[in-house]
Amino acid sequence: MTADALLRGLPGEALIRDGVRDVLEARHTIPALVVSVARERLIGADVLPRSAPQISTDPERELYRMLLAGGGDAYSRYNALIRELTSFVSSLEARASRNAATQKKRPRN
């Protein structure tokens, strides 16, 4: 299964795709900070290359500050983004695990 197929249809897919693109372009955006929160897990799942720039040493705090600057209810928005990220990563890891199990069961020619 390709990396693109692995992500397709997962909850939060658009947010994560935007964030990965922004991280790779070293853009300091809300999606990039969300991706940075789960940087190591996304690298481990081959969603983000290890060589990707690290745009923040404290992405959770910077994300919250950016949401505060944007106005509105930063606390609720922050929690919603973190829930979306958690759901994405959990679903991704479950799909990758199922995919790996399926690959092991296939006979090799």
PDB file of N, CA and C in Angstrom:
ATOM      1  N   MET A   1       0.863  -1.179   0.000  1.00  0.00           N
ATOM      2  CA  MET A   1       0.000   0.000   0.000  1.00  0.00           C
ATOM      3  C   MET A   1       0.903   1.234   0.000  1.00  0.00           C
ATOM      4  N   THR A   2       0.606   2.174  -0.893  1.00  0.00           N
ATOM      5  CA  THR A   2       1.402   3.402  -0.962  1.00  0.00           C
ATOM      6  C   THR A   2       1.076   4.315   0.219  1.00  0.00           C
ATOM      7  N   ALA A   3       1.973   5.262   0.483  1.00  0.00           N
ATOM      8  CA  ALA A   3       1.744   6.215   1.574  1.00  0.00           C
ATOM      9  C   ALA A   3       0.461   7.005   1.317  1.00  0.00           C
ATOM     10  N   ASP A   4       0.237   7.366   0.061  1.00  0.00           N
ATOM     11  CA  ASP A   4      -0.974   8.120  -0.279  1.00  0.00           C
ATOM     12  C   ASP A   4      -2.222   7.301   0.020  1.00  0.00           C
ATOM     13  N   ALA A   5      -2.211   6.040  -0.356  1.00  0.00           N
ATOM     14  CA  ALA A   5      -3.360   5.161  -0.106  1.00  0.00           C
ATOM     15  C   ALA A   5      -3.551   4.911   1.383  1.00  0.00           C
ATOM     16  N   LEU A   6      -2.463   4.875   2.126  1.00  0.00           N
ATOM     17  CA  LEU A   6      -2.530   4.651   3.565  1.00  0.00           C
ATOM     18  C   LEU A   6      -3.285   5.779   4.267  1.00  0.00           C
ATOM     19  N   LEU A   7      -3.156   7.001   3.753  1.00  0.00           N
ATOM     20  CA  LEU A   7      -3.801   8.173   4.369  1.00  0.00           C
ATOM     21  C   LEU A   7      -5.240   8.381   3.908  1.00  0.00           C
ATOM     22  N   ARG A   8      -5.560   7.898   2.729  1.00  0.00           N
ATOM     23  CA  ARG A   8      -6.841   8.195   2.098  1.00  0.00           C
ATOM     24  C   ARG A   8      -8.020   7.791   2.962  1.00  0.00           C
ATOM     25  N   GLY A   9      -8.895   8.784   3.226  1.00  0.00           N
ATOM     26  CA  GLY A   9     -10.134   8.521   3.943  1.00  0.00           C
ATOM     27  C   GLY A   9     -10.025   8.544   5.459  1.00  0.00           C
ATOM     28  N   LEU A  10      -8.833   8.753   5.991  1.00  0.00           N
ATOM     29  CA  LEU A  10      -8.702   8.795   7.450  1.00  0.00           C
ATOM     30  C   LEU A  10      -9.280  10.096   8.001  1.00  0.00           C
ATOM     31  N   PRO A  11      -9.791  10.071   9.220  1.00  0.00           N
ATOM     32  CA  PRO A  11     -10.310  11.307   9.827  1.00  0.00           C
ATOM     33  C   PRO A  11      -9.167  12.313   9.973  1.00  0.00           C
ATOM     34  N   GLY A  12      -9.383  13.529   9.506  1.00  0.00           N
ATOM     35  CA  GLY A  12      -8.355  14.563   9.593  1.00  0.00           C
ATOM     36  C   GLY A  12      -7.354  14.527   8.455  1.00  0.00           C
ATOM     37  N   GLU A  13      -7.634  13.743   7.431  1.00  0.00           N
ATOM     38  CA  GLU A  13      -6.696  13.593   6.311  1.00  0.00           C
ATOM     39  C   GLU A  13      -6.309  14.941   5.708  1.00  0.00           C
ATOM     40  N   ALA A  14      -7.266  15.803   5.438  1.00  0.00           N
ATOM     41  CA  ALA A  14      -6.975  17.091   4.796  1.00  0.00           C
ATOM     42  C   ALA A  14      -6.073  17.955   5.679  1.00  0.00           C
ATOM     43  N   LEU A  15      -6.368  17.996   6.970  1.00  0.00           N
ATOM     44  CA  LEU A  15      -5.556  18.776   7.898  1.00  0.00           C
ATOM     45  C   LEU A  15      -4.116  18.274   7.905  1.00  0.00           C
ATOM     46  N   ILE A  16      -3.935  16.968   7.962  1.00  0.00           N
ATOM     47  CA  ILE A  16      -2.593  16.388   8.026  1.00  0.00           C
ATOM     48  C   ILE A  16      -1.862  16.583   6.706  1.00  0.00           C
ATOM     49  N   ARG A  17      -2.541  16.380   5.591  1.00  0.00           N
ATOM     50  CA  ARG A  17      -1.896  16.612   4.284  1.00  0.00           C
ATOM     51  C   ARG A  17      -1.440  18.065   4.165  1.00  0.00           C
ATOM     52  N   ASP A  18      -2.305  19.001   4.569  1.00  0.00           N
ATOM     53  CA  ASP A  18      -1.930  20.424   4.536  1.00  0.00           C
ATOM     54  C   ASP A  18      -0.740  20.681   5.453  1.00  0.00           C
ATOM     55  N   GLY A  19      -0.772  20.092   6.641  1.00  0.00           N
ATOM     56  CA  GLY A  19       0.306  20.294   7.601  1.00  0.00           C
ATOM     57  C   GLY A  19       1.629  19.731   7.125  1.00  0.00           C
ATOM     58  N   VAL A  20       1.605  18.542   6.540  1.00  0.00           N
ATOM     59  CA  VAL A  20       2.840  17.946   6.013  1.00  0.00           C
ATOM     60  C   VAL A  20       3.405  18.838   4.914  1.00  0.00           C
ATOM     61  N   ARG A  21       2.553  19.287   4.009  1.00  0.00           N
ATOM     62  CA  ARG A  21       3.010  20.177   2.932  1.00  0.00           C
ATOM     63  C   ARG A  21       3.646  21.441   3.514  1.00  0.00           C
ATOM     64  N   ASP A  22       2.977  22.032   4.511  1.00  0.00           N
ATOM     65  CA  ASP A  22       3.496  23.262   5.109  1.00  0.00           C
ATOM     66  C   ASP A  22       4.809  23.028   5.843  1.00  0.00           C
ATOM     67  N   VAL A  23       4.926  21.913   6.547  1.00  0.00           N
ATOM     68  CA  VAL A  23       6.190  21.596   7.231  1.00  0.00           C
ATOM     69  C   VAL A  23       7.303  21.446   6.204  1.00  0.00           C
ATOM     70  N   LEU A  24       7.041  20.712   5.131  1.00  0.00           N
ATOM     71  CA  LEU A  24       8.068  20.492   4.108  1.00  0.00           C
ATOM     72  C   LEU A  24       8.484  21.799   3.444  1.00  0.00           C
ATOM     73  N   GLU A  25       7.569  22.769   3.408  1.00  0.00           N
ATOM     74  CA  GLU A  25       7.880  24.088   2.852  1.00  0.00           C
ATOM     75  C   GLU A  25       8.351  25.060   3.940  1.00  0.00           C
ATOM     76  N   ALA A  26       8.514  24.553   5.173  1.00  0.00           N
ATOM     77  CA  ALA A  26       8.953  25.353   6.330  1.00  0.00           C
ATOM     78  C   ALA A  26       8.026  26.547   6.577  1.00  0.00           C
ATOM     79  N   ARG A  27       6.731  26.328   6.352  1.00  0.00           N
ATOM     80  CA  ARG A  27       5.734  27.374   6.608  1.00  0.00           C
ATOM     81  C   ARG A  27       5.188  27.195   8.017  1.00  0.00           C
ATOM     82  N   HIS A  28       5.070  28.286   8.722  1.00  0.00           N
ATOM     83  CA  HIS A  28       4.608  28.300  10.112  1.00  0.00           C
ATOM     84  C   HIS A  28       3.091  28.523  10.115  1.00  0.00           C
ATOM     85  N   THR A  29       2.323  27.442   9.996  1.00  0.00           N
ATOM     86  CA  THR A  29       0.865  27.527   9.912  1.00  0.00           C
ATOM     87  C   THR A  29       0.245  26.648  10.992  1.00  0.00           C
ATOM     88  N   ILE A  30      -1.056  26.806  11.181  1.00  0.00           N
ATOM     89  CA  ILE A  30      -1.762  25.957  12.140  1.00  0.00           C
ATOM     90  C   ILE A  30      -1.645  24.484  11.751  1.00  0.00           C
ATOM     91  N   PRO A  31      -1.909  24.105  10.500  1.00  0.00           N
ATOM     92  CA  PRO A  31      -1.749  22.686  10.151  1.00  0.00           C
ATOM     93  C   PRO A  31      -0.317  22.178  10.361  1.00  0.00           C
ATOM     94  N   ALA A  32       0.677  23.003  10.070  1.00  0.00           N
ATOM     95  CA  ALA A  32       2.075  22.587  10.270  1.00  0.00           C
ATOM     96  C   ALA A  32       2.368  22.361  11.748  1.00  0.00           C
ATOM     97  N   LEU A  33       1.833  23.204  12.607  1.00  0.00           N
ATOM     98  CA  LEU A  33       2.044  23.023  14.045  1.00  0.00           C
ATOM     99  C   LEU A  33       1.327  21.772  14.547  1.00  0.00           C
ATOM    100  N   VAL A  34       0.139  21.500  14.011  1.00  0.00           N
ATOM    101  CA  VAL A  34      -0.582  20.276  14.396  1.00  0.00           C
ATOM    102  C   VAL A  34       0.260  19.054  14.027  1.00  0.00           C
ATOM    103  N   VAL A  35       0.789  19.030  12.820  1.00  0.00           N
ATOM    104  CA  VAL A  35       1.646  17.922  12.386  1.00  0.00           C
ATOM    105  C   VAL A  35       2.881  17.833  13.279  1.00  0.00           C
ATOM    106  N   SER A  36       3.421  18.971  13.659  1.00  0.00           N
ATOM    107  CA  SER A  36       4.620  18.988  14.502  1.00  0.00           C
ATOM    108  C   SER A  36       4.367  18.390  15.878  1.00  0.00           C
ATOM    109  N   VAL A  37       3.145  18.477  16.369  1.00  0.00           N
ATOM    110  CA  VAL A  37       2.804  17.879  17.664  1.00  0.00           C
ATOM    111  C   VAL A  37       3.048  16.373  17.624  1.00  0.00           C
ATOM    112  N   ALA A  38       2.743  15.747  16.507  1.00  0.00           N
ATOM    113  CA  ALA A  38       2.896  14.288  16.376  1.00  0.00           C
ATOM    114  C   ALA A  38       4.061  13.928  15.453  1.00  0.00           C
ATOM    115  N   ARG A  39       5.034  14.796  15.383  1.00  0.00           N
ATOM    116  CA  ARG A  39       6.156  14.644  14.455  1.00  0.00           C
ATOM    117  C   ARG A  39       6.763  13.229  14.471  1.00  0.00           C
ATOM    118  N   GLU A  40       7.170  12.743  15.622  1.00  0.00           N
ATOM    119  CA  GLU A  40       7.854  11.446  15.683  1.00  0.00           C
ATOM    120  C   GLU A  40       6.949  10.296  15.253  1.00  0.00           C
ATOM    121  N   ARG A  41       5.685  10.346  15.637  1.00  0.00           N
ATOM    122  CA  ARG A  41       4.765   9.268  15.240  1.00  0.00           C
ATOM    123  C   ARG A  41       4.520   9.306  13.735  1.00  0.00           C
ATOM    124  N   LEU A  42       4.444  10.500  13.161  1.00  0.00           N
ATOM    125  CA  LEU A  42       4.224  10.621  11.719  1.00  0.00           C
ATOM    126  C   LEU A  42       5.474  10.232  10.935  1.00  0.00           C
ATOM    127  N   ILE A  43       6.641  10.503  11.496  1.00  0.00           N
ATOM    128  CA  ILE A  43       7.877  10.035  10.872  1.00  0.00           C
ATOM    129  C   ILE A  43       7.907   8.503  10.915  1.00  0.00           C
ATOM    130  N   GLY A  44       7.557   7.941  12.055  1.00  0.00           N
ATOM    131  CA  GLY A  44       7.540   6.486  12.209  1.00  0.00           C
ATOM    132  C   GLY A  44       6.574   5.798  11.262  1.00  0.00           C
ATOM    133  N   ALA A  45       5.513   6.505  10.890  1.00  0.00           N
ATOM    134  CA  ALA A  45       4.521   5.941   9.970  1.00  0.00           C
ATOM    135  C   ALA A  45       4.828   6.298   8.510  1.00  0.00           C
ATOM    136  N   ASP A  46       5.971   6.907   8.271  1.00  0.00           N
ATOM    137  CA  ASP A  46       6.396   7.316   6.920  1.00  0.00           C
ATOM    138  C   ASP A  46       5.470   8.338   6.273  1.00  0.00           C
ATOM    139  N   VAL A  47       4.792   9.128   7.098  1.00  0.00           N
ATOM    140  CA  VAL A  47       3.947  10.207   6.580  1.00  0.00           C
ATOM    141  C   VAL A  47       4.788  11.472   6.420  1.00  0.00           C
ATOM    142  N   LEU A  48       5.758  11.624   7.287  1.00  0.00           N
ATOM    143  CA  LEU A  48       6.642  12.786   7.302  1.00  0.00           C
ATOM    144  C   LEU A  48       8.077  12.276   7.231  1.00  0.00           C
ATOM    145  N   PRO A  49       8.880  12.792   6.293  1.00  0.00           N
ATOM    146  CA  PRO A  49      10.268  12.321   6.229  1.00  0.00           C
ATOM    147  C   PRO A  49      11.087  12.834   7.413  1.00  0.00           C
ATOM    148  N   ARG A  50      12.022  12.033   7.868  1.00  0.00           N
ATOM    149  CA  ARG A  50      12.879  12.432   8.988  1.00  0.00           C
ATOM    150  C   ARG A  50      13.620  13.730   8.675  1.00  0.00           C
ATOM    151  N   SER A  51      13.897  13.978   7.418  1.00  0.00           N
ATOM    152  CA  SER A  51      14.632  15.180   7.010  1.00  0.00           C
ATOM    153  C   SER A  51      13.770  16.444   7.011  1.00  0.00           C
ATOM    154  N   ALA A  52      12.480  16.312   7.310  1.00  0.00           N
ATOM    155  CA  ALA A  52      11.578  17.479   7.312  1.00  0.00           C
ATOM    156  C   ALA A  52      12.054  18.507   8.327  1.00  0.00           C
ATOM    157  N   PRO A  53      11.959  19.790   7.980  1.00  0.00           N
ATOM    158  CA  PRO A  53      12.372  20.819   8.936  1.00  0.00           C
ATOM    159  C   PRO A  53      11.527  20.763  10.209  1.00  0.00           C
ATOM    160  N   GLN A  54      12.163  21.043  11.324  1.00  0.00           N
ATOM    161  CA  GLN A  54      11.431  21.137  12.587  1.00  0.00           C
ATOM    162  C   GLN A  54      11.065  22.606  12.754  1.00  0.00           C
ATOM    163  N   ILE A  55       9.786  22.920  12.586  1.00  0.00           N
ATOM    164  CA  ILE A  55       9.389  24.328  12.584  1.00  0.00           C
ATOM    165  C   ILE A  55       9.180  24.894  13.978  1.00  0.00           C
ATOM    166  N   SER A  56       9.145  24.025  14.989  1.00  0.00           N
ATOM    167  CA  SER A  56       8.920  24.495  16.349  1.00  0.00           C
ATOM    168  C   SER A  56       9.493  23.506  17.354  1.00  0.00           C
ATOM    169  N   THR A  57      10.057  24.036  18.431  1.00  0.00           N
ATOM    170  CA  THR A  57      10.516  23.169  19.518  1.00  0.00           C
ATOM    171  C   THR A  57       9.401  22.952  20.541  1.00  0.00           C
ATOM    172  N   ASP A  58       8.364  23.767  20.481  1.00  0.00           N
ATOM    173  CA  ASP A  58       7.225  23.642  21.401  1.00  0.00           C
ATOM    174  C   ASP A  58       5.929  23.873  20.609  1.00  0.00           C
ATOM    175  N   PRO A  59       5.583  22.909  19.737  1.00  0.00           N
ATOM    176  CA  PRO A  59       4.450  23.143  18.830  1.00  0.00           C
ATOM    177  C   PRO A  59       3.110  23.307  19.539  1.00  0.00           C
ATOM    178  N   GLU A  60       2.895  22.624  20.669  1.00  0.00           N
ATOM    179  CA  GLU A  60       1.616  22.758  21.371  1.00  0.00           C
ATOM    180  C   GLU A  60       1.398  24.205  21.821  1.00  0.00           C
ATOM    181  N   ARG A  61       2.425  24.781  22.427  1.00  0.00           N
ATOM    182  CA  ARG A  61       2.313  26.161  22.925  1.00  0.00           C
ATOM    183  C   ARG A  61       2.167  27.150  21.770  1.00  0.00           C
ATOM    184  N   GLU A  62       2.961  26.947  20.723  1.00  0.00           N
ATOM    185  CA  GLU A  62       2.868  27.853  19.572  1.00  0.00           C
ATOM    186  C   GLU A  62       1.514  27.742  18.879  1.00  0.00           C
ATOM    187  N   LEU A  63       0.988  26.529  18.791  1.00  0.00           N
ATOM    188  CA  LEU A  63      -0.333  26.336  18.202  1.00  0.00           C
ATOM    189  C   LEU A  63      -1.374  27.120  18.988  1.00  0.00           C
ATOM    190  N   TYR A  64      -1.342  26.986  20.301  1.00  0.00           N
ATOM    191  CA  TYR A  64      -2.308  27.690  21.141  1.00  0.00           C
ATOM    192  C   TYR A  64      -2.165  29.200  20.982  1.00  0.00           C
ATOM    193  N   ARG A  65      -0.945  29.687  20.957  1.00  0.00           N
ATOM    194  CA  ARG A  65      -0.715  31.136  20.771  1.00  0.00           C
ATOM    195  C   ARG A  65      -1.246  31.620  19.424  1.00  0.00           C
ATOM    196  N   MET A  66      -1.042  30.821  18.389  1.00  0.00           N
ATOM    197  CA  MET A  66      -1.523  31.206  17.065  1.00  0.00           C
ATOM    198  C   MET A  66      -3.056  31.239  17.047  1.00  0.00           C
ATOM    199  N   LEU A  67      -3.671  30.274  17.720  1.00  0.00           N
ATOM    200  CA  LEU A  67      -5.137  30.255  17.791  1.00  0.00           C
ATOM    201  C   LEU A  67      -5.657  31.441  18.602  1.00  0.00           C
ATOM    202  N   LEU A  68      -4.972  31.811  19.670  1.00  0.00           N
ATOM    203  CA  LEU A  68      -5.353  32.991  20.468  1.00  0.00           C
ATOM    204  C   LEU A  68      -5.293  34.256  19.616  1.00  0.00           C
ATOM    205  N   ALA A  69      -4.247  34.369  18.824  1.00  0.00           N
ATOM    206  CA  ALA A  69      -4.075  35.547  17.977  1.00  0.00           C
ATOM    207  C   ALA A  69      -5.174  35.645  16.916  1.00  0.00           C
ATOM    208  N   GLY A  70      -5.722  34.511  16.542  1.00  0.00           N
ATOM    209  CA  GLY A  70      -6.776  34.494  15.529  1.00  0.00           C
ATOM    210  C   GLY A  70      -8.144  34.870  16.067  1.00  0.00           C
ATOM    211  N   GLY A  71      -8.261  34.991  17.373  1.00  0.00           N
ATOM    212  CA  GLY A  71      -9.545  35.350  17.974  1.00  0.00           C
ATOM    213  C   GLY A  71     -10.443  34.137  18.151  1.00  0.00           C
ATOM    214  N   GLY A  72     -11.577  34.370  18.734  1.00  0.00           N
ATOM    215  CA  GLY A  72     -12.517  33.282  18.976  1.00  0.00           C
ATOM    216  C   GLY A  72     -12.117  32.456  20.184  1.00  0.00           C
ATOM    217  N   ASP A  73     -12.680  31.287  20.278  1.00  0.00           N
ATOM    218  CA  ASP A  73     -12.441  30.403  21.411  1.00  0.00           C
ATOM    219  C   ASP A  73     -11.239  29.511  21.119  1.00  0.00           C
ATOM    220  N   ALA A  74     -10.054  30.000  21.447  1.00  0.00           N
ATOM    221  CA  ALA A  74      -8.811  29.280  21.158  1.00  0.00           C
ATOM    222  C   ALA A  74      -8.765  27.938  21.875  1.00  0.00           C
ATOM    223  N   TYR A  75      -9.265  27.882  23.083  1.00  0.00           N
ATOM    224  CA  TYR A  75      -9.230  26.652  23.873  1.00  0.00           C
ATOM    225  C   TYR A  75     -10.012  25.535  23.179  1.00  0.00           C
ATOM    226  N   SER A  76     -11.224  25.837  22.755  1.00  0.00           N
ATOM    227  CA  SER A  76     -12.051  24.831  22.077  1.00  0.00           C
ATOM    228  C   SER A  76     -11.439  24.422  20.741  1.00  0.00           C
ATOM    229  N   ARG A  77     -10.936  25.382  20.002  1.00  0.00           N
ATOM    230  CA  ARG A  77     -10.332  25.095  18.701  1.00  0.00           C
ATOM    231  C   ARG A  77      -9.084  24.226  18.877  1.00  0.00           C
ATOM    232  N   TYR A  78      -8.264  24.564  19.870  1.00  0.00           N
ATOM    233  CA  TYR A  78      -7.060  23.786  20.153  1.00  0.00           C
ATOM    234  C   TYR A  78      -7.437  22.330  20.469  1.00  0.00           C
ATOM    235  N   ASN A  79      -8.388  22.163  21.359  1.00  0.00           N
ATOM    236  CA  ASN A  79      -8.807  20.809  21.739  1.00  0.00           C
ATOM    237  C   ASN A  79      -9.379  20.044  20.551  1.00  0.00           C
ATOM    238  N   ALA A  80     -10.127  20.714  19.699  1.00  0.00           N
ATOM    239  CA  ALA A  80     -10.688  20.061  18.518  1.00  0.00           C
ATOM    240  C   ALA A  80      -9.573  19.600  17.575  1.00  0.00           C
ATOM    241  N   LEU A  81      -8.558  20.441  17.379  1.00  0.00           N
ATOM    242  CA  LEU A  81      -7.448  20.073  16.505  1.00  0.00           C
ATOM    243  C   LEU A  81      -6.647  18.898  17.073  1.00  0.00           C
ATOM    244  N   ILE A  82      -6.425  18.906  18.372  1.00  0.00           N
ATOM    245  CA  ILE A  82      -5.687  17.804  18.998  1.00  0.00           C
ATOM    246  C   ILE A  82      -6.492  16.507  18.930  1.00  0.00           C
ATOM    247  N   ARG A  83      -7.806  16.593  19.110  1.00  0.00           N
ATOM    248  CA  ARG A  83      -8.649  15.390  18.967  1.00  0.00           C
ATOM    249  C   ARG A  83      -8.597  14.866  17.533  1.00  0.00           C
ATOM    250  N   GLU A  84      -8.636  15.775  16.566  1.00  0.00           N
ATOM    251  CA  GLU A  84      -8.568  15.375  15.162  1.00  0.00           C
ATOM    252  C   GLU A  84      -7.217  14.710  14.864  1.00  0.00           C
ATOM    253  N   LEU A  85      -6.149  15.268  15.393  1.00  0.00           N
ATOM    254  CA  LEU A  85      -4.814  14.692  15.219  1.00  0.00           C
ATOM    255  C   LEU A  85      -4.735  13.309  15.857  1.00  0.00           C
ATOM    256  N   THR A  86      -5.232  13.184  17.064  1.00  0.00           N
ATOM    257  CA  THR A  86      -5.214  11.902  17.775  1.00  0.00           C
ATOM    258  C   THR A  86      -6.003  10.844  17.012  1.00  0.00           C
ATOM    259  N   SER A  87      -7.160  11.232  16.509  1.00  0.00           N
ATOM    260  CA  SER A  87      -7.985  10.308  15.734  1.00  0.00           C
ATOM    261  C   SER A  87      -7.254   9.879  14.459  1.00  0.00           C
ATOM    262  N   PHE A  88      -6.618  10.836  13.802  1.00  0.00           N
ATOM    263  CA  PHE A  88      -5.876  10.529  12.580  1.00  0.00           C
ATOM    264  C   PHE A  88      -4.756   9.535  12.864  1.00  0.00           C
ATOM    265  N   VAL A  89      -3.919   9.843  13.850  1.00  0.00           N
ATOM    266  CA  VAL A  89      -2.762   9.000  14.144  1.00  0.00           C
ATOM    267  C   VAL A  89      -3.203   7.601  14.583  1.00  0.00           C
ATOM    268  N   SER A  90      -4.223   7.521  15.416  1.00  0.00           N
ATOM    269  CA  SER A  90      -4.721   6.211  15.851  1.00  0.00           C
ATOM    270  C   SER A  90      -5.231   5.402  14.663  1.00  0.00           C
ATOM    271  N   SER A  91      -5.987   6.037  13.793  1.00  0.00           N
ATOM    272  CA  SER A  91      -6.521   5.351  12.609  1.00  0.00           C
ATOM    273  C   SER A  91      -5.407   4.945  11.659  1.00  0.00           C
ATOM    274  N   LEU A  92      -4.430   5.812  11.487  1.00  0.00           N
ATOM    275  CA  LEU A  92      -3.297   5.517  10.616  1.00  0.00           C
ATOM    276  C   LEU A  92      -2.521   4.310  11.131  1.00  0.00           C
ATOM    277  N   GLU A  93      -2.227   4.302  12.423  1.00  0.00           N
ATOM    278  CA  GLU A  93      -1.471   3.191  12.990  1.00  0.00           C
ATOM    279  C   GLU A  93      -2.247   1.880  12.914  1.00  0.00           C
ATOM    280  N   ALA A  94      -3.560   1.946  13.109  1.00  0.00           N
ATOM    281  CA  ALA A  94      -4.383   0.740  12.995  1.00  0.00           C
ATOM    282  C   ALA A  94      -4.388   0.235  11.552  1.00  0.00           C
ATOM    283  N   ARG A  95      -4.524   1.146  10.603  1.00  0.00           N
ATOM    284  CA  ARG A  95      -4.528   0.747   9.191  1.00  0.00           C
ATOM    285  C   ARG A  95      -3.169   0.172   8.792  1.00  0.00           C
ATOM    286  N   ALA A  96      -2.101   0.789   9.233  1.00  0.00           N
ATOM    287  CA  ALA A  96      -0.757   0.297   8.906  1.00  0.00           C
ATOM    288  C   ALA A  96      -0.541  -1.090   9.502  1.00  0.00           C
ATOM    289  N   SER A  97      -1.035  -1.295  10.704  1.00  0.00           N
ATOM    290  CA  SER A  97      -0.900  -2.594  11.357  1.00  0.00           C
ATOM    291  C   SER A  97      -1.673  -3.666  10.596  1.00  0.00           C
ATOM    292  N   ARG A  98      -2.897  -3.346  10.200  1.00  0.00           N
ATOM    293  CA  ARG A  98      -3.698  -4.302   9.409  1.00  0.00           C
ATOM    294  C   ARG A  98      -3.017  -4.591   8.077  1.00  0.00           C
ATOM    295  N   ASN A  99      -2.477  -3.557   7.455  1.00  0.00           N
ATOM    296  CA  ASN A  99      -1.806  -3.722   6.177  1.00  0.00           C
ATOM    297  C   ASN A  99      -0.578  -4.616   6.326  1.00  0.00           C
ATOM    298  N   ALA A 100       0.186  -4.414   7.391  1.00  0.00           N
ATOM    299  CA  ALA A 100       1.369  -5.246   7.632  1.00  0.00           C
ATOM    300  C   ALA A 100       0.962  -6.697   7.875  1.00  0.00           C
ATOM    301  N   ALA A 101      -0.109  -6.911   8.621  1.00  0.00           N
ATOM    302  CA  ALA A 101      -0.581  -8.273   8.888  1.00  0.00           C
ATOM    303  C   ALA A 101      -1.026  -8.947   7.600  1.00  0.00           C
ATOM    304  N   THR A 102      -1.689  -8.208   6.740  1.00  0.00           N
ATOM    305  CA  THR A 102      -2.131  -8.751   5.455  1.00  0.00           C
ATOM    306  C   THR A 102      -0.949  -9.121   4.587  1.00  0.00           C
ATOM    307  N   GLN A 103       0.083  -8.267   4.602  1.00  0.00           N
ATOM    308  CA  GLN A 103       1.290  -8.548   3.801  1.00  0.00           C
ATOM    309  C   GLN A 103       1.988  -9.813   4.275  1.00  0.00           C
ATOM    310  N   LYS A 104       1.979 -10.072   5.569  1.00  0.00           N
ATOM    311  CA  LYS A 104       2.635 -11.265   6.113  1.00  0.00           C
ATOM    312  C   LYS A 104       1.898 -12.542   5.707  1.00  0.00           C
ATOM    313  N   LYS A 105       0.570 -12.449   5.551  1.00  0.00           N
ATOM    314  CA  LYS A 105      -0.232 -13.622   5.221  1.00  0.00           C
ATOM    315  C   LYS A 105      -0.146 -14.008   3.760  1.00  0.00           C
ATOM    316  N   ARG A 106       0.239 -13.061   2.906  1.00  0.00           N
ATOM    317  CA  ARG A 106       0.309 -13.364   1.470  1.00  0.00           C
ATOM    318  C   ARG A 106       1.478 -14.272   1.177  1.00  0.00           C
ATOM    319  N   PRO A 107       1.241 -15.294   0.354  1.00  0.00           N
ATOM    320  CA  PRO A 107       2.345 -16.188  -0.023  1.00  0.00           C
ATOM    321  C   PRO A 107       3.339 -15.455  -0.927  1.00  0.00           C
ATOM    322  N   ARG A 108       4.594 -15.757  -0.734  1.00  0.00           N
ATOM    323  CA  ARG A 108       5.639 -15.136  -1.560  1.00  0.00           C
ATOM    324  C   ARG A 108       5.933 -16.044  -2.742  1.00  0.00           C
ATOM    325  N   ASN A 109       6.094 -15.448  -3.871  1.00  0.00           N
ATOM    326  CA  ASN A 109       6.400 -16.217  -5.092  1.00  0.00           C
ATOM    327  C   ASN A 109       7.871 -16.236  -5.350  1.00  0.00           C
TER     328      ASN A 109
END
